[in-house]
N, C-alpha and C. Protein backbone atom coordinates (compact mmCIF):
# COMPACT_ATOMS: atom_id res chain seq x y z
N UNK A 1 65.31 99.05 125.71
CA UNK A 1 64.49 99.99 126.45
C UNK A 1 65.33 100.91 127.20
N UNK A 2 66.17 102.14 126.92
CA UNK A 2 66.61 102.78 127.62
C UNK A 2 66.18 103.70 128.12
N UNK A 3 67.29 103.80 129.62
CA UNK A 3 65.89 104.70 130.80
C UNK A 3 66.77 105.52 130.98
N UNK A 4 67.28 106.58 131.44
CA UNK A 4 67.92 107.87 132.15
C UNK A 4 69.41 107.30 132.53
N UNK A 5 69.44 106.38 133.02
CA UNK A 5 70.51 105.75 133.39
C UNK A 5 71.88 104.90 132.34
N UNK A 6 71.00 104.83 131.45
CA UNK A 6 71.38 103.90 130.00
C UNK A 6 72.93 104.39 129.41
N UNK A 7 74.13 104.11 129.35
CA UNK A 7 74.94 104.95 128.63
C UNK A 7 74.62 104.91 127.08
N UNK A 8 74.86 106.74 127.01
CA UNK A 8 74.10 107.91 126.06
C UNK A 8 76.18 107.26 124.69
N UNK A 9 75.94 107.10 123.20
CA UNK A 9 76.68 107.01 122.21
C UNK A 9 75.74 108.39 121.17
N UNK A 10 76.14 109.14 121.12
CA UNK A 10 75.53 110.32 119.98
C UNK A 10 76.20 110.00 118.94
N UNK A 11 75.75 109.54 117.68
CA UNK A 11 76.18 109.58 116.45
C UNK A 11 76.48 111.18 115.77
N UNK A 12 75.08 111.73 115.29
CA UNK A 12 75.35 112.73 115.06
C UNK A 12 75.73 113.78 115.35
N UNK A 13 75.88 115.30 114.40
CA UNK A 13 76.56 116.52 115.16
C UNK A 13 75.55 116.86 116.38
N UNK A 14 74.34 116.40 115.90
CA UNK A 14 72.91 117.42 116.73
C UNK A 14 73.06 116.82 118.26
N UNK A 15 73.34 115.21 117.98
CA UNK A 15 73.20 114.90 118.90
C UNK A 15 74.00 114.84 120.25
N UNK A 16 75.27 114.94 119.52
CA UNK A 16 76.34 115.33 119.95
C UNK A 16 76.60 116.46 120.70
N UNK A 17 76.07 117.38 119.89
CA UNK A 17 75.59 118.63 121.21
C UNK A 17 75.01 118.55 121.88
N UNK A 18 73.72 118.00 121.51
CA UNK A 18 72.98 117.81 122.89
C UNK A 18 73.86 116.93 124.02
N UNK A 19 73.64 116.23 123.80
CA UNK A 19 74.56 115.26 125.54
C UNK A 19 75.88 116.36 125.64
N UNK A 20 76.84 116.88 124.82
CA UNK A 20 78.18 118.39 125.65
C UNK A 20 76.64 119.57 126.77
N UNK A 21 75.68 119.48 125.88
CA UNK A 21 74.91 120.55 126.85
C UNK A 21 74.64 119.57 127.50
N UNK A 22 73.83 119.11 127.85
CA UNK A 22 73.77 118.57 129.25
C UNK A 22 74.68 118.13 130.35
N UNK A 23 75.83 117.67 129.89
CA UNK A 23 77.46 117.48 131.42
C UNK A 23 77.41 119.43 131.04
N UNK A 24 77.18 120.15 130.23
CA UNK A 24 77.94 121.49 130.52
C UNK A 24 76.98 121.64 131.72
N UNK A 25 75.34 121.81 131.44
CA UNK A 25 74.58 122.03 132.15
C UNK A 25 74.95 120.92 134.31
N UNK A 26 74.45 120.18 133.93
CA UNK A 26 74.59 119.20 135.17
C UNK A 26 75.67 119.26 136.21
N UNK A 27 76.68 119.76 135.08
CA UNK A 27 78.28 120.30 135.90
C UNK A 27 78.13 121.33 136.93
N UNK A 28 76.51 122.24 136.38
CA UNK A 28 76.92 123.75 136.52
C UNK A 28 75.57 123.39 138.32
N UNK A 29 75.53 122.30 138.93
CA UNK A 29 74.08 122.47 139.58
C UNK A 29 74.69 123.20 141.26
N UNK A 30 74.32 123.94 141.28
CA UNK A 30 74.85 125.11 142.52
C UNK A 30 73.03 124.89 143.67
N UNK A 31 74.11 125.93 144.78
CA UNK A 31 72.49 126.41 145.56
C UNK A 31 71.95 127.37 145.43
N UNK A 32 72.11 128.36 143.91
CA UNK A 32 71.18 128.84 142.72
C UNK A 32 70.54 128.45 141.45
N UNK A 33 71.32 127.18 140.87
CA UNK A 33 71.16 127.76 139.66
C UNK A 33 70.97 125.83 139.51
N UNK A 34 69.38 125.35 139.23
CA UNK A 34 69.08 123.46 139.45
C UNK A 34 68.19 123.47 137.52
N UNK A 35 69.55 122.90 137.00
CA UNK A 35 69.29 122.60 135.40
C UNK A 35 68.21 121.65 135.97
N UNK A 36 67.66 120.54 134.63
CA UNK A 36 66.86 119.52 134.56
C UNK A 36 66.94 119.81 133.13
N UNK A 37 67.02 118.57 133.00
CA UNK A 37 67.38 117.64 131.51
C UNK A 37 66.11 117.31 130.84
N UNK A 38 65.46 117.58 130.02
CA UNK A 38 64.83 116.58 129.74
C UNK A 38 64.71 116.00 127.81
N UNK A 39 64.56 114.69 127.79
CA UNK A 39 65.23 114.13 126.50
C UNK A 39 63.65 113.40 125.90
N UNK A 40 63.83 114.40 124.86
CA UNK A 40 62.02 114.43 124.05
C UNK A 40 62.96 113.25 122.66
N UNK A 41 61.36 113.14 123.20
CA UNK A 41 61.16 111.46 122.06
C UNK A 41 61.01 112.73 120.32
N UNK A 42 60.91 111.25 119.86
CA UNK A 42 60.68 112.47 118.80
C UNK A 42 59.35 113.14 118.37
N UNK A 43 59.14 114.72 118.15
CA UNK A 43 57.77 115.37 118.57
C UNK A 43 57.03 115.01 117.50
N UNK A 44 55.66 115.74 117.08
CA UNK A 44 55.32 116.05 115.80
C UNK A 44 53.59 116.48 116.54
N UNK A 45 53.25 117.29 115.60
CA UNK A 45 52.15 118.52 115.77
C UNK A 45 52.40 119.55 115.33
N UNK A 46 51.57 120.30 115.45
CA UNK A 46 51.38 121.19 114.36
C UNK A 46 52.15 122.37 115.59
N UNK A 47 53.08 123.32 115.24
CA UNK A 47 53.58 124.87 115.60
C UNK A 47 53.66 126.22 115.15
N UNK A 48 53.49 127.42 115.57
CA UNK A 48 53.50 128.36 114.89
C UNK A 48 55.28 128.36 113.62
N UNK A 49 56.35 127.97 114.46
CA UNK A 49 57.44 127.70 113.71
C UNK A 49 57.00 125.63 113.69
N UNK A 50 56.54 125.48 112.15
CA UNK A 50 56.49 124.56 111.84
C UNK A 50 57.75 123.87 111.05
N UNK A 51 57.13 122.41 111.39
CA UNK A 51 58.62 121.73 111.32
C UNK A 51 58.19 120.24 110.05
N UNK A 52 58.46 120.57 109.13
CA UNK A 52 58.18 119.07 108.61
C UNK A 52 59.09 118.32 107.89
N UNK A 53 60.10 118.38 108.98
CA UNK A 53 61.59 117.52 108.95
C UNK A 53 61.63 116.66 110.26
N UNK A 54 59.79 116.19 110.64
CA UNK A 54 60.08 114.90 111.60
C UNK A 54 58.97 113.74 111.43
N UNK A 55 59.04 112.65 111.77
CA UNK A 55 58.38 111.68 111.09
C UNK A 55 57.01 112.12 110.95
N UNK A 56 55.99 112.04 112.01
CA UNK A 56 55.00 112.56 111.49
C UNK A 56 54.31 113.34 110.63
N UNK A 57 54.97 114.76 110.93
CA UNK A 57 54.47 115.56 110.52
C UNK A 57 55.19 115.37 109.04
N UNK A 58 56.28 114.63 108.55
CA UNK A 58 56.74 114.32 107.40
C UNK A 58 55.35 113.70 106.66
N UNK A 59 54.92 112.83 107.49
CA UNK A 59 54.19 112.08 106.96
C UNK A 59 52.99 112.72 106.18
N UNK A 60 52.87 113.34 107.37
CA UNK A 60 51.31 114.01 107.14
C UNK A 60 51.81 115.54 105.58
N UNK A 61 52.56 115.71 105.42
CA UNK A 61 53.43 116.41 104.55
C UNK A 61 53.19 115.85 103.20
N UNK A 62 54.07 114.86 102.85
CA UNK A 62 53.63 114.22 101.91
C UNK A 62 52.32 113.22 101.39
N UNK A 63 51.78 113.16 102.30
CA UNK A 63 50.01 112.84 102.38
C UNK A 63 49.30 114.01 101.24
N UNK A 64 49.92 114.63 101.40
CA UNK A 64 48.74 116.07 100.99
C UNK A 64 49.63 116.84 99.47
N UNK A 65 50.93 116.19 99.75
CA UNK A 65 51.47 116.89 99.17
C UNK A 65 51.75 115.92 97.17
N UNK A 66 51.68 114.33 98.02
CA UNK A 66 51.94 113.52 97.11
C UNK A 66 51.33 111.84 97.27
N UNK A 67 50.32 112.32 97.85
CA UNK A 67 49.12 111.03 98.03
C UNK A 67 50.13 109.89 98.76
N UNK A 68 52.13 110.14 99.35
CA UNK A 68 52.21 108.14 99.52
C UNK A 68 52.85 109.18 100.76
N UNK A 69 53.09 107.73 102.07
CA UNK A 69 53.82 107.17 102.77
C UNK A 69 55.23 106.37 102.41
N UNK A 70 56.16 107.51 101.97
CA UNK A 70 57.40 106.92 102.06
C UNK A 70 58.42 105.77 103.83
N UNK A 71 58.05 104.57 103.28
CA UNK A 71 58.92 104.05 104.74
C UNK A 71 60.37 103.81 104.48
N UNK A 72 60.90 104.36 105.00
CA UNK A 72 62.43 104.15 105.25
C UNK A 72 62.26 102.85 105.61
N UNK A 73 63.88 101.44 105.21
CA UNK A 73 63.53 100.78 105.30
C UNK A 73 62.19 99.99 105.81
N UNK A 74 61.68 100.21 105.64
CA UNK A 74 60.22 99.38 105.41
C UNK A 74 59.75 100.55 106.67
N UNK A 75 59.96 100.88 107.17
CA UNK A 75 59.52 101.02 108.72
C UNK A 75 59.84 99.90 110.05
N UNK A 76 60.96 99.51 109.85
CA UNK A 76 61.60 98.46 110.71
C UNK A 76 61.62 98.55 111.77
N UNK A 77 62.45 100.52 112.01
CA UNK A 77 63.42 101.04 113.38
C UNK A 77 62.07 101.57 113.96
N UNK A 78 62.50 101.72 115.02
CA UNK A 78 61.63 102.36 116.21
C UNK A 78 62.26 103.05 116.67
N UNK A 79 60.68 104.60 117.17
CA UNK A 79 60.58 105.54 117.59
C UNK A 79 60.13 105.70 118.45
N UNK A 80 60.24 106.48 119.91
CA UNK A 80 59.46 107.31 120.38
C UNK A 80 59.80 108.35 120.69
N UNK A 81 57.71 108.55 120.88
CA UNK A 81 57.04 109.65 119.69
C UNK A 81 56.51 110.35 120.31
N UNK A 82 55.92 112.33 121.17
CA UNK A 82 55.27 112.83 121.95
C UNK A 82 54.81 114.00 121.59
N UNK A 83 54.07 114.19 121.36
CA UNK A 83 53.41 115.36 120.43
C UNK A 83 53.73 116.63 121.33
N UNK A 84 53.87 117.91 120.75
CA UNK A 84 54.27 119.22 121.13
C UNK A 84 54.05 119.62 122.20
N UNK A 85 52.60 119.62 122.24
CA UNK A 85 51.62 120.24 123.14
C UNK A 85 51.83 119.88 124.86
N UNK A 86 51.92 118.23 124.43
CA UNK A 86 52.73 117.47 126.21
C UNK A 86 53.98 117.40 125.87
N UNK A 87 54.96 117.90 125.64
CA UNK A 87 56.65 118.72 125.37
C UNK A 87 56.43 120.32 126.21
N UNK A 88 55.06 120.82 125.80
CA UNK A 88 54.75 122.40 127.34
C UNK A 88 54.15 121.39 128.31
N UNK A 89 53.88 120.59 128.45
CA UNK A 89 52.80 120.36 129.67
C UNK A 89 54.49 120.20 130.67
N UNK A 90 55.10 119.49 129.80
CA UNK A 90 56.15 118.66 130.71
C UNK A 90 57.19 119.45 130.97
N UNK A 91 57.65 120.58 129.90
CA UNK A 91 58.53 121.00 130.57
C UNK A 91 58.00 122.56 132.19
N UNK A 92 56.21 122.68 131.93
CA UNK A 92 55.47 123.21 133.16
C UNK A 92 55.25 122.65 134.24
N UNK A 93 55.78 120.72 134.06
CA UNK A 93 55.33 120.25 135.29
C UNK A 93 57.20 120.60 136.00
N UNK A 94 58.21 120.20 135.47
CA UNK A 94 59.52 120.90 135.67
C UNK A 94 59.31 121.92 136.57
N UNK A 95 58.99 122.93 135.81
CA UNK A 95 59.42 124.33 136.37
C UNK A 95 58.27 124.96 137.60
N UNK A 96 57.67 123.70 137.79
CA UNK A 96 56.10 123.80 138.98
C UNK A 96 56.87 122.66 140.13
N UNK A 97 57.76 122.17 139.52
CA UNK A 97 58.13 120.98 140.55
C UNK A 97 59.16 121.09 141.94
N UNK A 98 58.84 120.92 142.56
CA UNK A 98 60.18 120.81 144.00
C UNK A 98 61.07 120.45 143.34
N UNK A 99 61.76 122.01 143.89
CA UNK A 99 63.56 121.42 143.72
C UNK A 99 64.62 120.42 143.99
N UNK A 100 64.27 119.49 144.77
CA UNK A 100 64.76 118.96 145.19
C UNK A 100 64.03 117.31 144.53
N UNK A 101 63.16 117.92 143.84
CA UNK A 101 62.75 116.44 142.71
C UNK A 101 63.54 116.81 141.64
N UNK A 102 63.72 117.84 141.35
CA UNK A 102 64.14 118.23 139.68
C UNK A 102 65.98 118.52 139.50
N UNK A 103 66.43 119.10 140.89
CA UNK A 103 67.65 120.15 140.16
C UNK A 103 68.76 118.45 139.97
N UNK A 104 69.43 119.27 139.01
CA UNK A 104 70.24 118.12 137.71
C UNK A 104 70.00 116.22 137.62
N UNK A 105 69.36 117.00 137.80
CA UNK A 105 67.64 115.61 137.18
C UNK A 105 67.69 115.44 135.50
N UNK A 106 67.75 114.33 135.11
CA UNK A 106 67.81 114.10 133.95
C UNK A 106 65.79 112.73 133.24
N UNK A 107 65.66 113.61 132.33
CA UNK A 107 63.93 113.00 132.16
C UNK A 107 63.57 112.47 130.84
N UNK A 108 63.28 111.36 130.33
CA UNK A 108 63.05 111.04 129.28
C UNK A 108 61.53 111.48 129.04
N UNK A 109 60.84 112.46 127.55
CA UNK A 109 59.51 112.80 127.62
C UNK A 109 59.34 111.63 126.55
N UNK A 110 58.30 110.89 126.34
CA UNK A 110 57.69 109.81 125.85
C UNK A 110 56.63 109.76 125.62
N UNK A 111 55.31 109.66 124.56
CA UNK A 111 54.45 109.44 125.20
C UNK A 111 54.11 107.26 124.04
N UNK A 112 54.50 106.87 123.12
CA UNK A 112 54.70 106.09 122.37
C UNK A 112 56.27 105.81 122.13
N UNK A 113 56.05 104.21 122.18
CA UNK A 113 57.82 104.15 121.04
C UNK A 113 57.01 103.03 120.16
N UNK A 114 57.64 103.10 119.71
CA UNK A 114 56.58 102.89 117.78
C UNK A 114 57.70 102.01 117.13
N UNK A 115 56.82 101.15 115.93
CA UNK A 115 57.30 101.17 114.52
C UNK A 115 56.79 102.19 113.76
N UNK A 116 58.16 101.96 113.05
CA UNK A 116 57.68 103.55 111.50
C UNK A 116 56.53 102.84 110.86
N UNK A 117 56.50 100.71 110.68
CA UNK A 117 55.57 100.94 109.85
C UNK A 117 54.58 101.21 109.98
N UNK A 118 53.79 101.02 111.60
CA UNK A 118 52.68 100.80 112.25
C UNK A 118 52.19 102.36 112.82
N UNK A 119 53.56 103.56 113.23
CA UNK A 119 53.00 105.12 112.54
C UNK A 119 52.33 105.13 111.87
N UNK A 120 52.69 104.67 109.88
CA UNK A 120 52.66 104.84 109.10
C UNK A 120 51.06 104.26 108.76
N UNK A 121 50.21 103.23 108.94
CA UNK A 121 49.17 102.59 109.54
C UNK A 121 48.27 103.43 110.21
N UNK A 122 48.80 104.23 111.16
CA UNK A 122 47.88 105.29 112.09
C UNK A 122 47.47 106.60 111.60
N UNK A 123 48.84 106.82 110.80
CA UNK A 123 49.00 108.43 110.37
C UNK A 123 48.21 108.20 108.81
N UNK A 124 47.87 107.06 108.48
CA UNK A 124 46.80 107.22 107.15
C UNK A 124 45.34 107.11 107.98
N UNK A 125 45.10 105.67 108.45
CA UNK A 125 43.96 106.28 109.28
C UNK A 125 43.10 107.65 109.45
N UNK A 126 43.76 108.08 110.53
CA UNK A 126 43.63 109.35 110.64
C UNK A 126 43.45 110.35 109.40
N UNK A 127 44.03 110.70 108.66
CA UNK A 127 44.04 110.83 107.42
C UNK A 127 43.15 110.89 106.82
N UNK A 128 42.60 109.30 106.51
CA UNK A 128 41.21 108.99 106.11
C UNK A 128 39.79 109.23 106.49
N UNK A 129 40.02 109.60 107.59
CA UNK A 129 38.67 110.49 108.37
C UNK A 129 38.87 112.26 108.23
N UNK A 130 39.57 112.54 107.53
CA UNK A 130 40.00 113.99 107.39
C UNK A 130 39.69 113.94 105.68
N UNK A 131 39.37 112.87 105.33
CA UNK A 131 39.94 112.89 103.46
C UNK A 131 40.09 112.98 103.15
N UNK A 132 41.38 112.37 103.43
CA UNK A 132 43.01 112.99 102.54
C UNK A 132 43.02 111.06 102.41
N UNK A 133 43.48 110.52 101.65
CA UNK A 133 43.98 108.69 101.43
C UNK A 133 45.43 108.19 100.93
N UNK A 134 46.04 107.73 101.23
CA UNK A 134 47.39 107.53 101.03
C UNK A 134 47.65 105.71 100.44
N UNK A 135 49.18 105.61 99.72
CA UNK A 135 49.48 104.77 99.28
C UNK A 135 50.69 104.60 100.45
N UNK A 136 50.76 103.37 101.35
CA UNK A 136 52.22 103.21 102.21
C UNK A 136 53.42 102.99 100.87
N UNK A 137 54.45 103.40 100.20
CA UNK A 137 55.47 102.67 99.64
C UNK A 137 56.96 102.39 100.86
N UNK A 138 57.07 101.34 101.24
CA UNK A 138 58.67 100.88 101.35
C UNK A 138 59.61 100.97 100.85
N UNK A 139 60.69 101.76 101.06
CA UNK A 139 61.13 102.08 100.79
C UNK A 139 63.21 101.41 101.12
N UNK A 140 64.13 100.07 100.91
CA UNK A 140 65.25 99.99 101.54
C UNK A 140 65.92 100.40 100.53
N UNK A 141 66.18 101.68 99.82
CA UNK A 141 67.49 101.80 98.87
C UNK A 141 67.88 102.91 101.02
N UNK A 142 67.23 103.30 101.26
CA UNK A 142 67.84 104.70 102.59
C UNK A 142 68.67 103.14 103.44
N UNK A 143 69.51 103.66 103.84
CA UNK A 143 70.51 102.51 104.68
C UNK A 143 70.68 104.13 106.21
N UNK A 144 70.45 104.85 106.00
CA UNK A 144 71.08 106.11 107.25
C UNK A 144 69.79 105.30 108.53
N UNK A 145 69.62 104.57 108.87
CA UNK A 145 68.07 104.61 110.05
C UNK A 145 69.01 104.66 111.00
N UNK A 146 67.60 105.06 112.47
CA UNK A 146 68.27 105.12 113.81
C UNK A 146 67.22 103.69 114.36
N UNK A 147 67.21 103.08 115.49
CA UNK A 147 65.92 102.65 115.49
C UNK A 147 66.37 102.57 117.34
N UNK A 148 65.43 103.30 118.39
CA UNK A 148 65.05 102.73 119.91
C UNK A 148 64.92 102.86 120.36
N UNK A 149 64.52 102.32 121.68
CA UNK A 149 63.08 102.86 122.48
C UNK A 149 63.12 103.42 123.75
N UNK A 150 62.83 103.84 124.25
CA UNK A 150 63.35 105.26 125.87
C UNK A 150 61.88 104.78 126.47
N UNK A 151 61.92 104.52 127.92
CA UNK A 151 61.10 104.40 128.61
C UNK A 151 61.23 105.67 129.31
N UNK A 152 59.57 105.96 130.04
CA UNK A 152 59.37 107.33 130.21
C UNK A 152 58.82 107.42 131.39
N UNK A 153 59.65 105.71 132.41
CA UNK A 153 58.42 106.00 133.84
C UNK A 153 58.55 106.55 134.75
N UNK A 154 59.76 107.12 134.67
CA UNK A 154 60.70 108.68 135.70
C UNK A 154 60.01 109.49 135.53
N UNK A 155 59.60 109.97 134.84
CA UNK A 155 59.15 111.43 134.71
C UNK A 155 57.83 111.56 135.17
N UNK A 156 56.90 110.36 134.73
CA UNK A 156 55.74 109.80 135.37
C UNK A 156 55.76 109.56 137.42
N UNK A 157 56.63 108.33 137.39
CA UNK A 157 56.96 107.99 138.76
C UNK A 157 57.33 110.37 139.64
N UNK A 158 57.67 110.67 138.80
CA UNK A 158 58.18 111.67 140.28
C UNK A 158 57.68 113.16 139.75
N UNK A 159 57.13 113.13 138.91
CA UNK A 159 56.12 114.03 138.55
C UNK A 159 55.02 114.05 137.80
N UNK A 160 54.55 112.68 138.24
CA UNK A 160 53.25 112.34 137.42
C UNK A 160 52.63 113.16 136.09
N UNK A 161 53.51 112.71 135.70
CA UNK A 161 53.56 113.58 133.84
C UNK A 161 53.13 111.85 133.46
N UNK A 162 51.47 112.71 132.54
CA UNK A 162 51.42 111.64 131.50
C UNK A 162 51.15 112.23 130.52
N UNK A 163 51.58 111.82 129.17
CA UNK A 163 51.72 112.49 127.32
C UNK A 163 49.97 112.10 127.64
N UNK A 164 49.46 112.70 126.99
CA UNK A 164 47.90 112.91 126.47
C UNK A 164 47.54 113.14 125.67
N UNK A 165 48.17 113.23 124.28
CA UNK A 165 47.64 113.45 123.52
C UNK A 165 48.31 112.95 122.06
N UNK A 166 47.05 111.80 121.57
CA UNK A 166 47.86 110.75 120.32
C UNK A 166 47.94 111.11 119.27
N UNK A 167 48.12 110.28 117.96
CA UNK A 167 49.01 110.47 117.54
C UNK A 167 47.93 110.59 116.33
N UNK A 168 46.93 110.25 116.97
CA UNK A 168 45.02 110.48 116.30
C UNK A 168 45.03 111.99 116.22
N UNK A 169 44.94 112.54 116.90
CA UNK A 169 44.06 113.72 117.25
C UNK A 169 44.84 114.57 116.27
N UNK A 170 46.47 113.93 117.23
CA UNK A 170 47.48 114.72 116.20
C UNK A 170 47.51 115.48 114.93
N UNK A 171 47.49 114.47 114.01
CA UNK A 171 47.38 113.83 112.54
C UNK A 171 47.07 115.60 112.60
N UNK A 172 45.11 114.73 112.54
CA UNK A 172 43.62 115.56 111.98
C UNK A 172 44.37 116.42 112.57
N UNK A 173 44.59 117.91 113.55
CA UNK A 173 44.46 118.54 113.89
C UNK A 173 45.75 119.31 113.27
N UNK A 174 46.87 118.35 112.90
CA UNK A 174 47.79 119.29 111.62
C UNK A 174 47.28 119.46 110.78
N UNK A 175 46.14 118.74 109.77
CA UNK A 175 45.27 119.06 108.88
C UNK A 175 44.67 120.33 108.87
N UNK A 176 43.89 120.62 110.06
CA UNK A 176 43.22 121.05 110.45
C UNK A 176 44.66 122.55 110.25
N UNK A 177 45.44 122.58 111.24
CA UNK A 177 46.22 124.05 111.44
C UNK A 177 46.72 123.88 110.25
N UNK A 178 47.04 123.29 109.28
CA UNK A 178 48.08 123.55 107.97
C UNK A 178 46.96 124.26 107.18
N UNK A 179 45.95 123.85 107.20
CA UNK A 179 45.05 124.94 105.31
C UNK A 179 44.49 125.90 106.61
N UNK A 180 44.65 125.95 107.31
CA UNK A 180 43.78 127.92 108.58
C UNK A 180 44.58 128.85 108.35
N UNK A 181 45.91 128.12 108.72
CA UNK A 181 47.07 129.59 108.25
C UNK A 181 47.72 129.19 107.17
N UNK A 182 47.47 128.68 106.41
CA UNK A 182 48.30 128.50 105.47
C UNK A 182 49.37 127.58 105.12
N UNK A 183 50.14 126.97 106.05
CA UNK A 183 51.83 126.00 105.91
C UNK A 183 52.01 125.88 104.83
N UNK A 184 51.42 125.77 103.29
CA UNK A 184 51.66 125.10 102.90
C UNK A 184 52.37 124.93 101.53
N UNK A 185 53.27 125.71 102.37
CA UNK A 185 54.43 126.42 101.02
C UNK A 185 55.72 125.08 102.16
N UNK A 186 54.91 123.76 101.28
CA UNK A 186 56.44 122.93 102.16
C UNK A 186 57.33 122.76 102.34
N UNK A 187 59.15 123.48 100.94
CA UNK A 187 59.46 123.81 100.04
C UNK A 187 60.10 124.83 100.96
N UNK A 188 59.82 125.07 101.84
CA UNK A 188 60.13 126.41 102.26
C UNK A 188 61.50 125.89 103.58
N UNK A 189 62.93 126.57 103.75
CA UNK A 189 63.69 126.16 104.15
C UNK A 189 63.60 126.37 105.85
N UNK A 190 62.72 127.28 106.07
CA UNK A 190 62.34 127.34 107.15
C UNK A 190 61.84 126.37 108.07
N UNK A 191 60.81 125.44 107.33
CA UNK A 191 60.58 124.26 107.94
C UNK A 191 61.28 122.78 108.34
N UNK A 192 62.59 123.67 108.11
CA UNK A 192 63.49 121.87 107.53
C UNK A 192 64.33 122.29 108.74
N UNK A 193 64.94 122.13 110.05
CA UNK A 193 66.05 122.61 110.31
C UNK A 193 68.29 122.50 110.11
N UNK A 194 68.09 121.74 109.64
CA UNK A 194 68.75 121.26 108.75
C UNK A 194 69.44 122.24 107.69
N UNK A 195 68.12 122.21 106.72
CA UNK A 195 68.81 123.79 105.04
C UNK A 195 68.32 124.96 105.87
N UNK A 196 66.96 125.04 107.10
CA UNK A 196 67.03 126.64 108.08
C UNK A 196 68.63 126.78 108.47
N UNK A 197 69.77 125.94 109.31
CA UNK A 197 70.81 125.96 109.55
C UNK A 197 71.91 126.69 108.09
N UNK A 198 71.79 125.90 107.20
CA UNK A 198 71.88 126.10 106.00
C UNK A 198 71.96 127.82 105.27
N UNK A 199 71.36 127.48 105.06
CA UNK A 199 70.56 129.16 104.75
C UNK A 199 70.80 130.15 105.47
N UNK A 200 70.92 129.83 106.84
CA UNK A 200 71.27 131.44 107.29
C UNK A 200 72.97 131.83 107.52
N UNK A 201 73.55 130.08 107.39
CA UNK A 201 74.52 130.36 107.89
C UNK A 201 75.56 130.69 106.24
N UNK A 202 74.93 130.04 104.51
CA UNK A 202 75.79 131.04 103.88
C UNK A 202 74.78 132.53 104.05
N UNK A 203 73.19 132.96 104.27
CA UNK A 203 73.35 134.23 104.34
C UNK A 203 73.91 135.27 105.29
N UNK A 204 74.93 134.72 106.72
CA UNK A 204 75.79 135.50 107.06
C UNK A 204 77.24 135.43 106.83
N UNK A 205 78.01 134.77 105.72
CA UNK A 205 78.99 134.97 104.89
C UNK A 205 78.59 136.30 103.83
N UNK A 206 77.72 135.74 103.03
CA UNK A 206 77.19 137.11 102.12
C UNK A 206 77.27 138.26 103.40
N UNK A 207 76.65 138.59 104.19
CA UNK A 207 76.24 139.20 104.83
C UNK A 207 78.00 140.57 105.60
N UNK A 208 78.62 139.36 106.24
CA UNK A 208 79.94 139.75 106.18
C UNK A 208 80.95 140.46 105.12
N UNK A 209 79.81 139.81 103.74
CA UNK A 209 80.85 141.00 102.72
C UNK A 209 80.66 142.37 102.35
N UNK A 210 78.92 141.63 102.41
CA UNK A 210 77.91 143.32 101.77
C UNK A 210 78.07 144.11 102.97
N UNK A 211 77.57 143.79 104.33
CA UNK A 211 77.25 144.57 105.07
C UNK A 211 75.29 144.68 105.00
N UNK A 212 75.26 144.36 106.00
CA UNK A 212 73.99 144.52 106.44
C UNK A 212 72.93 145.77 105.79
N UNK A 213 71.59 145.39 104.66
CA UNK A 213 70.98 147.22 104.42
C UNK A 213 70.16 147.83 105.62
N UNK A 214 70.55 146.45 106.70
CA UNK A 214 69.80 148.00 107.92
C UNK A 214 70.99 148.80 108.61
N UNK A 215 72.18 148.52 108.02
CA UNK A 215 72.75 149.80 108.36
C UNK A 215 73.06 150.31 107.70
N UNK A 216 72.42 150.48 106.58
CA UNK A 216 72.71 151.20 105.51
C UNK A 216 72.19 152.74 106.07
N UNK A 217 73.19 154.22 106.07
CA UNK A 217 72.20 155.21 106.52
C UNK A 217 71.58 156.62 105.61
N UNK A 218 70.35 156.54 105.71
CA UNK A 218 69.90 157.08 104.47
C UNK A 218 69.62 158.54 104.35
């Protein structure tokens, strides 16, 4: 179980950039600057800038489009999980806390540590309550898996913060909001961080040659 004092060894570019940002910010602590670091678990839930590349949301999207939940590596790996509403509440708690409690501190933000296999079962059960059934399909072909658990005891102790939104509540709300706002163009790159960044990078290359249409004089 990892806590805020555990050795951090990021492997991917994304996690490495996060760690470098942490070090830079914490190195800037001063009488006039109060950085606070939140290390969030894998976030789930609906948001206006929707994400379908996060595991709970991915499972919901997969059921709505294919009727299946795919478990990479059989779902044996662990993940810390937290709803987006609870993440917002954590930020508010950090902003409202006395400076001496949070300045230069790191907090894990997580509700559950859960095996992906159990997560798949809970997502399926919640979806059944709103009229969607799913087959759970284990897939051992994909080997790029990560498995870790974190302790969120520090944020509970220091800020008296406890997440509230369960996976089941979030899943049922996801279906409701997706249908309400029409977020059903599931393959749109804007819902997937890596694909979105690649699209923006490609657009930048084109614009650097052609110029922007917004700069054309009438």
